[in-house]
N, C-alpha and C. Protein backbone atom coordinates (compact mmCIF):
# COMPACT_ATOMS: atom_id res chain seq x y z
N UNK A 1 85.45 73.13 -25.73
CA UNK A 1 85.30 72.00 -26.07
C UNK A 1 84.09 71.20 -25.76
N UNK A 2 83.06 69.70 -26.71
CA UNK A 2 82.16 69.55 -26.43
C UNK A 2 82.10 68.34 -25.84
N UNK A 3 81.38 67.57 -25.01
CA UNK A 3 81.85 65.98 -24.57
C UNK A 3 81.94 65.29 -25.38
N UNK A 4 82.44 64.40 -25.67
CA UNK A 4 82.05 63.01 -25.93
C UNK A 4 81.51 61.78 -24.98
N UNK A 5 80.39 61.85 -26.11
CA UNK A 5 79.17 61.11 -25.43
C UNK A 5 80.10 59.52 -25.62
N UNK A 6 79.33 58.69 -23.86
CA UNK A 6 80.07 57.40 -24.25
C UNK A 6 79.05 56.82 -23.83
N UNK A 7 79.33 55.15 -23.90
CA UNK A 7 77.69 54.50 -23.98
C UNK A 7 77.12 54.40 -24.59
N UNK A 8 77.60 54.88 -26.68
CA UNK A 8 76.44 54.73 -27.57
C UNK A 8 76.61 53.74 -27.95
N UNK A 9 75.37 53.84 -28.68
CA UNK A 9 74.68 51.87 -28.94
C UNK A 9 75.88 52.38 -30.22
N UNK A 10 76.85 51.57 -30.54
CA UNK A 10 77.90 51.29 -31.39
C UNK A 10 77.91 50.28 -32.44
N UNK A 11 76.58 50.25 -33.47
CA UNK A 11 75.84 49.14 -34.15
C UNK A 11 76.81 48.94 -35.31
N UNK A 12 77.33 47.30 -35.88
CA UNK A 12 77.72 47.45 -36.93
C UNK A 12 77.70 48.70 -37.79
N UNK A 13 76.30 49.35 -38.47
CA UNK A 13 76.70 49.96 -39.83
C UNK A 13 77.01 50.83 -39.53
N UNK A 14 76.85 51.63 -37.99
CA UNK A 14 77.41 52.65 -37.68
C UNK A 14 79.19 52.86 -37.38
N UNK A 15 78.84 51.96 -37.13
CA UNK A 15 80.94 51.89 -37.02
C UNK A 15 81.63 51.31 -38.82
N UNK A 16 80.72 51.23 -39.03
CA UNK A 16 81.15 50.70 -40.80
C UNK A 16 81.44 51.44 -41.47
N UNK A 17 80.05 52.41 -41.25
CA UNK A 17 79.95 53.70 -41.85
C UNK A 17 81.78 54.44 -41.42
N UNK A 18 81.99 54.70 -39.76
CA UNK A 18 83.18 55.51 -39.77
C UNK A 18 84.16 54.72 -39.72
N UNK A 19 84.36 53.46 -39.81
CA UNK A 19 85.80 52.96 -40.39
C UNK A 19 86.02 53.18 -41.99
N UNK A 20 84.98 53.39 -42.47
CA UNK A 20 85.07 53.73 -43.94
C UNK A 20 85.93 55.24 -44.06
N UNK A 21 85.38 56.03 -43.06
CA UNK A 21 86.32 57.29 -43.25
C UNK A 21 88.05 57.53 -43.28
N UNK A 22 88.31 56.33 -43.24
CA UNK A 22 89.11 56.28 -43.68
C UNK A 22 90.45 55.21 -44.73
N UNK A 23 90.70 56.38 -45.50
CA UNK A 23 91.02 54.97 -46.67
C UNK A 23 92.56 54.38 -46.72
N UNK A 24 92.03 53.17 -47.19
CA UNK A 24 93.02 52.10 -46.96
C UNK A 24 93.17 51.39 -48.55
N UNK A 25 94.57 50.62 -48.98
CA UNK A 25 94.75 50.22 -49.42
C UNK A 25 93.98 48.49 -50.05
N UNK A 26 94.05 47.78 -50.71
CA UNK A 26 93.49 46.55 -51.32
C UNK A 26 94.07 45.70 -52.09
N UNK A 27 94.04 44.63 -51.35
CA UNK A 27 94.79 43.74 -51.56
C UNK A 27 93.98 42.11 -51.85
N UNK A 28 94.90 41.50 -52.68
CA UNK A 28 94.14 40.20 -53.34
C UNK A 28 95.15 39.26 -52.31
N UNK A 29 94.65 38.08 -51.30
CA UNK A 29 95.33 37.48 -51.01
C UNK A 29 94.99 35.63 -51.92
N UNK A 30 95.82 35.02 -52.50
CA UNK A 30 95.77 33.86 -53.16
C UNK A 30 96.81 33.05 -53.05
N UNK A 31 96.43 31.63 -53.49
CA UNK A 31 96.84 30.62 -52.99
C UNK A 31 96.87 29.03 -53.88
N UNK A 32 97.34 28.60 -54.07
CA UNK A 32 96.60 26.84 -54.75
C UNK A 32 96.81 26.30 -53.62
N UNK A 33 95.56 25.64 -53.88
CA UNK A 33 95.51 24.59 -52.76
C UNK A 33 95.05 23.65 -52.93
N UNK A 34 95.85 22.22 -52.92
CA UNK A 34 95.10 21.32 -53.61
C UNK A 34 94.51 21.33 -54.63
N UNK A 35 95.17 21.61 -55.90
CA UNK A 35 95.13 21.81 -57.05
C UNK A 35 93.85 23.39 -57.23
N UNK A 36 93.61 23.71 -56.67
CA UNK A 36 92.92 24.57 -56.64
C UNK A 36 93.21 26.08 -56.49
N UNK A 37 92.55 27.51 -57.33
CA UNK A 37 92.99 28.47 -56.72
C UNK A 37 91.61 28.98 -55.68
N UNK A 38 92.13 29.45 -54.80
CA UNK A 38 91.95 30.08 -53.62
C UNK A 38 92.36 31.24 -53.48
N UNK A 39 91.33 32.31 -53.14
CA UNK A 39 91.74 33.38 -52.72
C UNK A 39 90.39 34.79 -52.31
N UNK A 40 90.87 36.03 -51.44
CA UNK A 40 89.66 36.83 -51.36
C UNK A 40 90.47 38.34 -51.17
N UNK A 41 89.89 39.37 -51.17
CA UNK A 41 90.41 40.76 -51.03
C UNK A 41 89.97 41.05 -49.75
N UNK A 42 91.48 41.93 -49.40
CA UNK A 42 91.14 42.22 -47.97
C UNK A 42 91.37 43.85 -48.03
N UNK A 43 90.84 44.55 -47.37
CA UNK A 43 91.05 46.00 -47.27
C UNK A 43 91.94 46.64 -46.15
N UNK A 44 92.85 45.69 -45.81
CA UNK A 44 93.25 45.54 -43.80
C UNK A 44 94.80 45.36 -44.22
N UNK A 45 95.70 45.63 -44.80
CA UNK A 45 96.59 45.29 -44.92
C UNK A 45 97.29 46.34 -44.87
N UNK A 46 98.49 45.84 -44.08
CA UNK A 46 99.34 47.13 -42.83
C UNK A 46 101.04 46.74 -42.91
N UNK A 47 101.55 47.20 -43.23
CA UNK A 47 102.81 46.78 -42.93
C UNK A 47 103.43 46.84 -41.84
N UNK A 48 104.04 45.47 -40.97
CA UNK A 48 104.21 45.45 -38.79
C UNK A 48 105.67 45.47 -38.98
N UNK A 49 106.35 45.10 -39.45
CA UNK A 49 107.98 44.57 -38.85
C UNK A 49 108.95 44.65 -39.88
N UNK A 50 110.14 45.81 -40.40
CA UNK A 50 111.24 44.77 -40.88
C UNK A 50 111.86 43.80 -40.47
N UNK A 51 111.63 43.44 -39.05
CA UNK A 51 113.06 42.45 -39.02
C UNK A 51 112.11 42.06 -37.56
N UNK A 52 111.89 40.52 -37.95
CA UNK A 52 111.46 39.68 -39.78
C UNK A 52 110.49 40.94 -40.05
N UNK A 53 110.68 40.29 -41.40
CA UNK A 53 109.30 41.22 -42.22
C UNK A 53 108.35 40.75 -42.16
N UNK A 54 107.30 41.51 -41.25
CA UNK A 54 106.06 40.76 -41.29
C UNK A 54 105.45 42.01 -42.14
N UNK A 55 103.89 41.30 -42.16
CA UNK A 55 102.30 42.52 -42.84
C UNK A 55 101.82 41.74 -42.31
N UNK A 56 99.99 42.42 -41.95
CA UNK A 56 99.31 41.75 -41.35
C UNK A 56 98.00 42.43 -42.04
N UNK A 57 97.02 41.64 -42.39
CA UNK A 57 95.72 40.97 -42.99
C UNK A 57 94.40 40.98 -41.94
N UNK A 58 93.61 41.31 -41.84
CA UNK A 58 92.40 40.83 -40.55
C UNK A 58 91.47 40.49 -42.19
N UNK A 59 90.96 39.24 -40.97
CA UNK A 59 90.07 38.28 -42.13
C UNK A 59 88.78 38.11 -40.93
N UNK A 60 87.58 38.51 -41.76
CA UNK A 60 86.01 37.96 -40.77
C UNK A 60 86.31 36.86 -40.38
N UNK A 61 85.64 36.39 -38.84
CA UNK A 61 85.90 34.93 -38.58
C UNK A 61 85.46 34.22 -39.08
N UNK A 62 83.80 34.71 -40.08
CA UNK A 62 82.87 34.04 -40.52
C UNK A 62 83.77 33.88 -41.81
N UNK A 63 84.32 34.01 -42.19
CA UNK A 63 85.01 33.29 -43.57
C UNK A 63 84.93 32.36 -44.00
N UNK A 64 84.37 32.48 -45.58
CA UNK A 64 84.18 30.50 -45.81
C UNK A 64 85.40 30.30 -46.36
N UNK A 65 86.38 31.44 -46.52
CA UNK A 65 87.78 31.12 -47.96
C UNK A 65 88.78 30.90 -47.09
N UNK A 66 88.67 31.72 -45.92
CA UNK A 66 90.08 31.53 -45.06
C UNK A 66 90.27 30.00 -44.54
N UNK A 67 89.84 29.70 -44.11
CA UNK A 67 90.12 28.12 -43.60
C UNK A 67 90.52 27.04 -44.97
N UNK A 68 90.47 26.93 -46.21
CA UNK A 68 91.00 26.92 -46.68
C UNK A 68 92.21 27.29 -47.38
N UNK A 69 91.98 28.90 -47.43
CA UNK A 69 93.68 29.73 -47.58
C UNK A 69 94.26 29.34 -46.86
N UNK A 70 94.24 29.13 -45.26
CA UNK A 70 94.94 28.70 -44.25
C UNK A 70 95.97 27.58 -44.38
N UNK A 71 96.02 26.30 -44.79
CA UNK A 71 96.21 25.68 -45.77
C UNK A 71 97.36 26.19 -46.53
N UNK A 72 97.24 26.52 -47.31
CA UNK A 72 98.38 27.01 -48.44
C UNK A 72 100.06 26.44 -47.88
N UNK A 73 101.12 26.31 -48.03
CA UNK A 73 102.45 26.61 -47.75
C UNK A 73 102.53 27.69 -47.55
N UNK A 74 102.13 28.91 -49.03
CA UNK A 74 102.75 29.74 -49.15
C UNK A 74 101.27 30.30 -49.87
N UNK A 75 101.52 31.99 -49.38
CA UNK A 75 100.29 32.99 -50.04
C UNK A 75 100.92 33.51 -50.54
N UNK A 76 100.32 34.62 -51.72
CA UNK A 76 100.96 35.77 -52.56
C UNK A 76 100.12 36.84 -52.18
N UNK A 77 100.72 38.03 -51.86
CA UNK A 77 99.64 39.30 -51.55
C UNK A 77 100.57 40.36 -52.38
N UNK A 78 99.05 40.63 -53.14
CA UNK A 78 98.98 41.55 -54.20
C UNK A 78 98.19 42.82 -54.05
N UNK A 79 99.75 44.06 -53.55
CA UNK A 79 98.51 45.27 -54.20
C UNK A 79 97.38 45.46 -55.04
N UNK A 80 96.55 45.33 -54.91
CA UNK A 80 96.21 45.98 -56.05
C UNK A 80 96.47 47.21 -56.44
N UNK A 81 96.17 47.12 -58.02
CA UNK A 81 96.74 48.75 -59.08
C UNK A 81 94.68 49.23 -58.25
N UNK A 82 94.91 50.37 -59.29
CA UNK A 82 93.98 51.89 -59.00
C UNK A 82 92.64 51.42 -60.23
N UNK A 83 93.44 50.65 -61.49
CA UNK A 83 92.61 50.18 -62.32
C UNK A 83 91.94 48.62 -62.23
N UNK A 84 92.34 47.81 -60.63
CA UNK A 84 91.55 46.30 -60.58
C UNK A 84 90.77 46.67 -59.47
N UNK A 85 89.61 47.71 -59.63
CA UNK A 85 88.45 48.09 -59.43
C UNK A 85 87.87 46.54 -59.43
N UNK A 86 87.23 46.59 -60.27
CA UNK A 86 86.24 44.84 -60.89
C UNK A 86 86.97 43.54 -60.04
N UNK A 87 88.10 43.31 -60.36
CA UNK A 87 89.09 42.24 -59.67
C UNK A 87 88.65 42.58 -58.34
N UNK A 88 88.67 43.63 -57.61
CA UNK A 88 88.76 43.87 -55.87
C UNK A 88 87.43 42.83 -55.93
N UNK A 89 86.37 43.32 -57.08
CA UNK A 89 84.60 43.12 -56.48
C UNK A 89 84.36 41.47 -56.95
N UNK A 90 85.07 41.47 -58.24
CA UNK A 90 85.04 39.79 -58.40
C UNK A 90 85.55 39.10 -57.71
N UNK A 91 86.83 39.24 -56.21
CA UNK A 91 87.46 38.39 -55.36
C UNK A 91 86.55 38.43 -54.21
N UNK A 92 85.61 39.37 -54.28
CA UNK A 92 84.90 39.49 -53.13
C UNK A 92 83.57 38.85 -52.95
N UNK A 93 83.04 37.94 -54.69
CA UNK A 93 82.13 37.77 -54.95
C UNK A 93 82.21 36.03 -55.06
N UNK A 94 80.77 35.63 -55.77
CA UNK A 94 81.12 34.06 -56.02
C UNK A 94 81.80 33.27 -55.99
N UNK A 95 82.37 32.22 -55.48
CA UNK A 95 83.69 31.18 -54.88
C UNK A 95 84.21 31.46 -56.23
N UNK A 96 83.35 30.41 -57.46
CA UNK A 96 84.30 30.00 -58.47
C UNK A 96 84.12 30.71 -59.74
N UNK A 97 83.65 31.95 -59.58
CA UNK A 97 83.80 33.27 -60.85
C UNK A 97 85.57 33.96 -59.84
N UNK A 98 85.81 33.69 -59.03
CA UNK A 98 87.06 34.89 -58.62
C UNK A 98 88.09 34.69 -59.44
N UNK A 99 88.66 33.41 -60.02
CA UNK A 99 89.30 34.21 -60.92
C UNK A 99 89.31 34.06 -62.31
N UNK A 100 88.21 34.09 -62.57
CA UNK A 100 87.41 34.34 -64.00
C UNK A 100 88.38 35.26 -64.76
N UNK A 101 89.30 34.81 -65.88
CA UNK A 101 89.61 36.44 -66.55
C UNK A 101 90.94 36.95 -66.04
N UNK A 102 91.39 36.44 -64.78
CA UNK A 102 92.45 37.19 -64.32
C UNK A 102 93.63 36.87 -64.48
N UNK A 103 94.61 37.29 -64.95
CA UNK A 103 95.69 36.96 -65.24
C UNK A 103 96.43 36.63 -63.88
N UNK A 104 97.51 35.35 -63.87
CA UNK A 104 97.59 35.24 -62.59
C UNK A 104 99.36 34.67 -62.77
N UNK A 105 100.15 34.58 -61.24
CA UNK A 105 101.43 33.62 -61.19
C UNK A 105 101.09 33.15 -60.40
N UNK A 106 101.82 31.81 -60.37
CA UNK A 106 102.50 30.63 -58.99
C UNK A 106 103.45 30.47 -58.85
N UNK A 107 103.56 30.33 -57.53
CA UNK A 107 105.17 30.43 -57.30
C UNK A 107 104.81 28.19 -57.30
N UNK A 108 106.55 28.04 -57.24
CA UNK A 108 106.51 26.46 -56.99
C UNK A 108 105.63 25.93 -55.50
N UNK A 109 106.06 26.95 -54.64
CA UNK A 109 105.35 27.36 -53.21
C UNK A 109 103.92 27.10 -53.14
N UNK A 110 103.11 27.67 -53.87
CA UNK A 110 101.94 27.60 -54.00
C UNK A 110 101.13 29.43 -53.71
N UNK A 111 102.57 30.12 -53.97
CA UNK A 111 101.45 31.68 -53.85
C UNK A 111 101.00 32.39 -54.68
N UNK A 112 100.37 32.89 -55.36
CA UNK A 112 99.65 33.08 -56.29
C UNK A 112 99.08 34.53 -55.84
N UNK A 113 99.90 35.45 -57.50
CA UNK A 113 99.49 37.14 -57.42
C UNK A 113 99.25 37.45 -58.64
N UNK A 114 98.42 38.53 -58.55
CA UNK A 114 97.88 38.97 -59.68
C UNK A 114 98.46 40.14 -60.44
N UNK A 115 98.48 39.50 -61.69
CA UNK A 115 99.08 40.37 -62.61
C UNK A 115 98.69 41.74 -62.56
N UNK A 116 99.80 42.90 -63.33
CA UNK A 116 98.91 44.60 -62.97
C UNK A 116 99.03 44.73 -62.04
N UNK A 117 99.63 44.23 -60.08
CA UNK A 117 99.31 44.71 -58.92
C UNK A 117 100.42 45.79 -59.14
N UNK A 118 100.50 46.69 -57.64
CA UNK A 118 102.06 47.89 -57.67
C UNK A 118 102.74 46.79 -56.37
N UNK A 119 102.67 45.70 -56.14
CA UNK A 119 103.52 45.23 -55.46
C UNK A 119 102.78 43.72 -55.25
N UNK A 120 104.03 42.78 -55.15
CA UNK A 120 103.43 41.00 -54.97
C UNK A 120 104.56 40.82 -53.88
N UNK A 121 104.08 40.04 -53.07
CA UNK A 121 104.53 39.26 -51.80
C UNK A 121 104.26 38.18 -51.68
N UNK A 122 105.21 37.31 -51.24
CA UNK A 122 105.16 35.73 -51.28
C UNK A 122 105.13 35.44 -49.97
N UNK A 123 104.39 35.28 -48.99
CA UNK A 123 104.16 35.22 -47.33
C UNK A 123 104.15 33.87 -47.33
N UNK A 124 103.96 33.37 -45.74
CA UNK A 124 103.61 32.09 -44.77
C UNK A 124 103.19 33.08 -43.54
N UNK A 125 101.96 32.24 -42.80
CA UNK A 125 101.36 32.39 -41.47
C UNK A 125 102.53 32.91 -40.35
N UNK A 126 102.75 33.73 -40.10
CA UNK A 126 103.64 34.19 -38.97
C UNK A 126 102.88 33.38 -37.52
N UNK A 127 101.43 34.26 -37.39
CA UNK A 127 100.79 34.26 -36.30
C UNK A 127 99.30 34.55 -36.65
N UNK A 128 98.40 34.59 -36.12
CA UNK A 128 97.16 34.67 -35.82
C UNK A 128 96.69 34.70 -34.64
N UNK A 129 95.94 36.05 -35.04
CA UNK A 129 95.64 36.32 -33.26
C UNK A 129 93.62 36.58 -33.78
N UNK A 130 93.43 36.06 -32.72
CA UNK A 130 91.44 36.57 -32.51
C UNK A 130 91.17 37.76 -32.09
N UNK A 131 90.68 38.55 -32.71
CA UNK A 131 90.34 39.70 -32.24
C UNK A 131 88.65 40.01 -32.31
N UNK A 132 87.92 39.75 -31.66
CA UNK A 132 86.73 40.12 -31.95
C UNK A 132 85.70 39.31 -33.16
N UNK A 133 85.46 40.00 -34.05
CA UNK A 133 84.57 39.16 -35.12
C UNK A 133 85.94 39.13 -36.60
N UNK A 134 87.18 38.99 -35.88
CA UNK A 134 88.12 39.12 -37.10
C UNK A 134 89.42 37.88 -36.22
N UNK A 135 90.26 37.86 -37.49
CA UNK A 135 91.42 36.93 -36.92
C UNK A 135 92.69 38.33 -37.53
N UNK A 136 93.71 38.66 -36.94
CA UNK A 136 94.38 39.27 -37.45
C UNK A 136 95.48 38.87 -37.61
N UNK A 137 95.92 38.46 -39.12
CA UNK A 137 96.97 37.67 -39.93
C UNK A 137 98.15 38.16 -39.91
N UNK A 138 98.76 37.53 -39.18
CA UNK A 138 100.37 38.27 -39.10
C UNK A 138 100.86 37.02 -40.65
N UNK A 139 101.71 37.90 -41.17
CA UNK A 139 102.40 37.28 -42.73
C UNK A 139 103.50 37.34 -42.77
N UNK A 140 104.58 36.90 -42.63
CA UNK A 140 106.15 36.58 -42.61
C UNK A 140 106.78 36.43 -44.22
N UNK A 141 107.28 37.25 -44.65
CA UNK A 141 107.23 38.04 -46.30
C UNK A 141 108.46 37.24 -46.58
N UNK A 142 108.65 36.57 -47.80
CA UNK A 142 110.13 35.32 -48.45
C UNK A 142 110.24 36.30 -49.44
N UNK A 143 109.94 37.04 -50.26
CA UNK A 143 110.15 37.71 -51.43
C UNK A 143 109.49 38.64 -51.63
N UNK A 144 109.78 40.11 -52.54
CA UNK A 144 108.68 40.92 -52.66
C UNK A 144 109.40 41.60 -54.14
N UNK A 145 108.02 42.05 -54.79
CA UNK A 145 108.82 42.64 -56.32
C UNK A 145 107.72 43.55 -56.25
N UNK A 146 107.62 44.61 -56.94
CA UNK A 146 107.15 46.08 -57.27
C UNK A 146 107.37 46.85 -58.44
N UNK A 147 106.72 46.80 -59.32
CA UNK A 147 107.53 48.32 -60.72
C UNK A 147 107.53 49.59 -59.12
N UNK A 148 108.15 50.03 -60.16
CA UNK A 148 108.64 51.65 -60.27
C UNK A 148 107.36 52.51 -60.87
N UNK A 149 106.90 52.61 -60.69
CA UNK A 149 105.32 53.33 -61.37
C UNK A 149 103.74 52.59 -60.54
N UNK A 150 103.03 53.58 -61.02
CA UNK A 150 101.61 52.59 -60.98
C UNK A 150 100.97 52.99 -59.23
N UNK A 151 99.84 53.16 -59.51
CA UNK A 151 99.10 53.76 -58.04
C UNK A 151 98.11 52.42 -57.53
N UNK A 152 98.25 52.26 -56.15
CA UNK A 152 97.14 51.44 -55.62
C UNK A 152 95.85 52.18 -55.65
N UNK A 153 94.89 51.23 -55.86
CA UNK A 153 93.79 50.69 -55.49
C UNK A 153 93.35 51.21 -53.76
N UNK A 154 92.18 52.40 -54.26
CA UNK A 154 92.11 52.75 -52.88
C UNK A 154 90.72 52.58 -52.46
N UNK A 155 90.76 52.22 -51.21
CA UNK A 155 89.06 51.49 -50.29
C UNK A 155 88.61 53.05 -49.77
N UNK A 156 87.56 53.87 -49.91
CA UNK A 156 87.26 55.16 -49.16
C UNK A 156 85.57 55.37 -49.56
N UNK A 157 84.80 54.68 -48.13
CA UNK A 157 83.45 55.22 -48.29
C UNK A 157 82.59 54.08 -48.91
N UNK A 158 82.85 52.63 -49.27
CA UNK A 158 82.70 51.69 -49.91
C UNK A 158 82.65 52.16 -51.41
N UNK A 159 83.63 52.63 -51.87
CA UNK A 159 83.81 53.16 -53.21
C UNK A 159 85.36 52.89 -53.30
N UNK A 160 85.60 53.17 -54.93
CA UNK A 160 87.55 53.07 -54.99
C UNK A 160 87.44 54.35 -55.81
N UNK A 161 87.97 55.33 -55.12
CA UNK A 161 87.94 57.11 -55.76
C UNK A 161 89.63 57.06 -56.22
N UNK A 162 90.29 57.50 -56.78
CA UNK A 162 92.05 57.41 -57.18
C UNK A 162 92.15 58.53 -56.79
N UNK A 163 93.50 58.54 -56.00
CA UNK A 163 94.40 59.53 -55.19
C UNK A 163 93.73 60.33 -55.25
N UNK A 164 94.37 61.15 -56.02
CA UNK A 164 93.79 62.62 -56.81
C UNK A 164 92.91 63.43 -56.18
N UNK A 165 91.37 62.37 -56.25
CA UNK A 165 90.32 62.56 -55.27
C UNK A 165 90.12 62.84 -54.03
N UNK A 166 90.97 61.95 -53.40
CA UNK A 166 91.03 62.03 -52.52
C UNK A 166 91.48 63.55 -51.09
N UNK A 167 92.10 64.30 -52.42
CA UNK A 167 93.09 66.17 -51.69
C UNK A 167 91.81 66.61 -51.56
């Protein structure tokens, strides 16, 4: 067995590459706030608890979008489908164009979900935890819907391979 080097230079680029070897799904988090559509893409979505029903996302503490989005009464979370890579990149791009030509649904409480996703959740913020350069945001679920078919968008090594390509 080899020695595992400690006290390595764990610079951000090296960590980002190492974290990137683990494939994740991608979600859109969106809401209508003060009459405007606000949203972002996150690749850190995780189911946390069944009782109470909770999921989590991680948001960079430098996010310019999160301070506005967190003011929403309800948030919509959409698990993006494998054909929505362009939508994901768009949601990570310029704020003014994030929802251009994207079909959405908005609840009476302001939660916004994207059509064609493989799952949709209506949520409220349960708790935020500071964690280094991110916030871990726990979201309590109030509604869920999902079709019986479709594959999720997978983020792996800064790209979007199909599930079969990972095997």
